[in-house]
Amino acid sequence: MAAQSNQSNVTAFTVSDFGRTFAANVGNGSDHGWGNHQLVVGGAVNGATLYGSLPSLVVNGPGDTGLGRWIPGVSVDQYSATLAKWFGVTSTDLNTVFPNLGHFATPNVGFLA
């Protein structure tokens, strides 16, 4: 991409709002949780920064809804809206594309220039 001067025009990312609970369930595994770690790479990425917050890994601790099912620090809507804005979706259309975006104080997480 650098040889073509396209490094700021290409972004690769992972996306999943699926996670696992910290504590094991009654069986031999863990239950479905919320959120997950995501990766974003490319020339337009404001890197070397953690966006959101890491949970306190204590069952029934801060932000835990039970069994280590933590509330994510960044919603999938915020993450996706940040990417959509970079892809060219207008600010006016973001709330149509992501109807829950209005529930968050910061709709653009800021990881893309």
C-alpha atoms as a PDB file:
ATOM      1  CA  MET A   1       0.000   0.000   0.000  1.00  0.00           C
ATOM      2  CA  ALA A   2       2.847   2.382   0.776  1.00  0.00           C
ATOM      3  CA  ALA A   3       4.390   1.812  -2.672  1.00  0.00           C
ATOM      4  CA  GLN A   4       1.080   2.928  -4.196  1.00  0.00           C
ATOM      5  CA  SER A   5       0.623   5.790  -1.676  1.00  0.00           C
ATOM      6  CA  ASN A   6      -2.630   4.172  -0.541  1.00  0.00           C
ATOM      7  CA  GLN A   7      -1.742   3.402   3.080  1.00  0.00           C
ATOM      8  CA  SER A   8      -4.215   6.018   4.384  1.00  0.00           C
ATOM      9  CA  ASN A   9      -6.957   4.704   2.087  1.00  0.00           C
ATOM     10  CA  VAL A  10      -6.975   1.121   3.362  1.00  0.00           C
ATOM     11  CA  THR A  11      -8.273  -0.035   6.740  1.00  0.00           C
ATOM     12  CA  ALA A  12      -8.737  -3.594   7.962  1.00  0.00           C
ATOM     13  CA  PHE A  13     -10.756  -4.364  11.079  1.00  0.00           C
ATOM     14  CA  THR A  14     -12.321  -7.135  13.107  1.00  0.00           C
ATOM     15  CA  VAL A  15     -15.856  -6.908  14.423  1.00  0.00           C
ATOM     16  CA  SER A  16     -17.855  -8.992  16.861  1.00  0.00           C
ATOM     17  CA  ASP A  17     -20.136  -8.063  19.731  1.00  0.00           C
ATOM     18  CA  PHE A  18     -19.827 -11.625  21.029  1.00  0.00           C
ATOM     19  CA  GLY A  19     -17.716 -12.525  24.037  1.00  0.00           C
ATOM     20  CA  ARG A  20     -17.481 -15.045  26.824  1.00  0.00           C
ATOM     21  CA  THR A  21     -18.062 -14.737  30.538  1.00  0.00           C
ATOM     22  CA  PHE A  22     -15.089 -14.766  32.855  1.00  0.00           C
ATOM     23  CA  ALA A  23     -16.464 -17.469  35.161  1.00  0.00           C
ATOM     24  CA  ALA A  24     -17.269 -20.986  33.947  1.00  0.00           C
ATOM     25  CA  ASN A  25     -20.891 -22.072  33.831  1.00  0.00           C
ATOM     26  CA  VAL A  26     -22.204 -25.290  35.377  1.00  0.00           C
ATOM     27  CA  GLY A  27     -20.891 -27.288  32.405  1.00  0.00           C
ATOM     28  CA  ASN A  28     -17.404 -27.391  30.932  1.00  0.00           C
ATOM     29  CA  GLY A  29     -17.067 -23.901  29.523  1.00  0.00           C
ATOM     30  CA  SER A  30     -18.240 -20.360  29.839  1.00  0.00           C
ATOM     31  CA  ASP A  31     -21.479 -18.643  28.909  1.00  0.00           C
ATOM     32  CA  HIS A  32     -22.076 -16.025  26.260  1.00  0.00           C
ATOM     33  CA  GLY A  33     -20.885 -12.584  27.282  1.00  0.00           C
ATOM     34  CA  TRP A  34     -20.941  -9.124  25.740  1.00  0.00           C
ATOM     35  CA  GLY A  35     -18.257  -7.312  23.859  1.00  0.00           C
ATOM     36  CA  ASN A  36     -14.837  -8.329  22.782  1.00  0.00           C
ATOM     37  CA  HIS A  37     -11.480  -6.896  21.811  1.00  0.00           C
ATOM     38  CA  GLN A  38     -11.286  -5.556  18.266  1.00  0.00           C
ATOM     39  CA  LEU A  39      -8.364  -4.751  15.993  1.00  0.00           C
ATOM     40  CA  VAL A  40      -8.129  -1.901  13.488  1.00  0.00           C
ATOM     41  CA  VAL A  41      -5.065  -1.504  11.253  1.00  0.00           C
ATOM     42  CA  GLY A  42      -4.173   0.843   8.434  1.00  0.00           C
ATOM     43  CA  GLY A  43      -2.510   4.131   7.603  1.00  0.00           C
ATOM     44  CA  ALA A  44      -5.465   6.228   8.800  1.00  0.00           C
ATOM     45  CA  VAL A  45      -5.582   4.567  12.234  1.00  0.00           C
ATOM     46  CA  ASN A  46      -4.685   6.682  15.263  1.00  0.00           C
ATOM     47  CA  GLY A  47      -2.697   3.822  16.720  1.00  0.00           C
ATOM     48  CA  ALA A  48      -0.733   3.036  19.855  1.00  0.00           C
ATOM     49  CA  THR A  49      -3.823   3.787  21.944  1.00  0.00           C
ATOM     50  CA  LEU A  50      -6.391   1.689  23.772  1.00  0.00           C
ATOM     51  CA  TYR A  51      -9.895   2.928  23.005  1.00  0.00           C
ATOM     52  CA  GLY A  52     -12.451   2.107  25.663  1.00  0.00           C
ATOM     53  CA  SER A  53     -11.459   0.587  28.964  1.00  0.00           C
ATOM     54  CA  LEU A  54     -10.369  -2.795  30.219  1.00  0.00           C
ATOM     55  CA  PRO A  55     -12.698  -4.360  32.784  1.00  0.00           C
ATOM     56  CA  SER A  56     -11.731  -5.166  36.329  1.00  0.00           C
ATOM     57  CA  LEU A  57     -11.356  -8.948  36.156  1.00  0.00           C
ATOM     58  CA  VAL A  58     -13.303  -9.544  39.356  1.00  0.00           C
ATOM     59  CA  VAL A  59     -16.581 -11.457  39.234  1.00  0.00           C
ATOM     60  CA  ASN A  60     -19.339  -9.209  40.634  1.00  0.00           C
ATOM     61  CA  GLY A  61     -16.883  -6.279  40.517  1.00  0.00           C
ATOM     62  CA  PRO A  62     -17.373  -2.913  38.808  1.00  0.00           C
ATOM     63  CA  GLY A  63     -19.208  -3.156  35.489  1.00  0.00           C
ATOM     64  CA  ASP A  64     -20.003  -6.860  35.938  1.00  0.00           C
ATOM     65  CA  THR A  65     -23.633  -7.823  35.429  1.00  0.00           C
ATOM     66  CA  GLY A  66     -22.905 -11.248  36.945  1.00  0.00           C
ATOM     67  CA  LEU A  67     -20.593 -14.204  36.232  1.00  0.00           C
ATOM     68  CA  GLY A  68     -17.990 -11.934  34.682  1.00  0.00           C
ATOM     69  CA  ARG A  69     -20.342 -10.614  32.005  1.00  0.00           C
ATOM     70  CA  TRP A  70     -18.958  -7.101  31.727  1.00  0.00           C
ATOM     71  CA  ILE A  71     -20.587  -4.143  30.078  1.00  0.00           C
ATOM     72  CA  PRO A  72     -18.337  -3.099  27.148  1.00  0.00           C
ATOM     73  CA  GLY A  73     -16.617   0.292  27.333  1.00  0.00           C
ATOM     74  CA  VAL A  74     -17.358   0.966  23.647  1.00  0.00           C
ATOM     75  CA  SER A  75     -20.537  -0.209  21.947  1.00  0.00           C
ATOM     76  CA  VAL A  76     -20.590  -1.978  18.597  1.00  0.00           C
ATOM     77  CA  ASP A  77     -22.629   1.007  17.373  1.00  0.00           C
ATOM     78  CA  GLN A  78     -19.861   3.478  18.290  1.00  0.00           C
ATOM     79  CA  TYR A  79     -17.178   1.258  16.770  1.00  0.00           C
ATOM     80  CA  SER A  80     -19.181   0.758  13.573  1.00  0.00           C
ATOM     81  CA  ALA A  81     -20.165   4.435  13.298  1.00  0.00           C
ATOM     82  CA  THR A  82     -16.500   5.443  13.547  1.00  0.00           C
ATOM     83  CA  LEU A  83     -15.689   3.110  10.655  1.00  0.00           C
ATOM     84  CA  ALA A  84     -18.785   4.185   8.681  1.00  0.00           C
ATOM     85  CA  LYS A  85     -17.828   7.867   9.015  1.00  0.00           C
ATOM     86  CA  TRP A  86     -14.372   7.047   7.618  1.00  0.00           C
ATOM     87  CA  PHE A  87     -16.041   5.136   4.752  1.00  0.00           C
ATOM     88  CA  GLY A  88     -18.021   8.287   3.908  1.00  0.00           C
ATOM     89  CA  VAL A  89     -21.366   7.978   5.695  1.00  0.00           C
ATOM     90  CA  THR A  90     -22.466  11.521   6.538  1.00  0.00           C
ATOM     91  CA  SER A  91     -23.036  12.651  10.111  1.00  0.00           C
ATOM     92  CA  THR A  92     -26.716  13.140   9.253  1.00  0.00           C
ATOM     93  CA  ASP A  93     -27.066   9.546   8.046  1.00  0.00           C
ATOM     94  CA  LEU A  94     -25.166   7.934  10.935  1.00  0.00           C
ATOM     95  CA  ASN A  95     -28.220   8.037  13.233  1.00  0.00           C
ATOM     96  CA  THR A  96     -30.343   6.433  10.517  1.00  0.00           C
ATOM     97  CA  VAL A  97     -27.811   3.670   9.919  1.00  0.00           C
ATOM     98  CA  PHE A  98     -27.195   3.225  13.675  1.00  0.00           C
ATOM     99  CA  PRO A  99     -30.477   4.111  15.446  1.00  0.00           C
ATOM    100  CA  ASN A 100     -29.016   3.399  18.921  1.00  0.00           C
ATOM    101  CA  LEU A 101     -26.097   5.797  18.415  1.00  0.00           C
ATOM    102  CA  GLY A 102     -27.937   8.613  20.200  1.00  0.00           C
ATOM    103  CA  HIS A 103     -27.632   6.671  23.476  1.00  0.00           C
ATOM    104  CA  PHE A 104     -23.878   7.318  23.585  1.00  0.00           C
ATOM    105  CA  ALA A 105     -22.155  10.597  24.445  1.00  0.00           C
ATOM    106  CA  THR A 106     -19.327   9.902  21.977  1.00  0.00           C
ATOM    107  CA  PRO A 107     -20.606   8.438  18.709  1.00  0.00           C
ATOM    108  CA  ASN A 108     -17.148   8.632  17.082  1.00  0.00           C
ATOM    109  CA  VAL A 109     -14.546   6.781  19.145  1.00  0.00           C
ATOM    110  CA  GLY A 110     -11.712   8.579  17.354  1.00  0.00           C
ATOM    111  CA  PHE A 111      -9.475   5.734  16.216  1.00  0.00           C
ATOM    112  CA  LEU A 112      -9.475   6.903  12.577  1.00  0.00           C
ATOM    113  CA  ALA A 113      -8.028  10.155  11.249  1.00  0.00           C
END
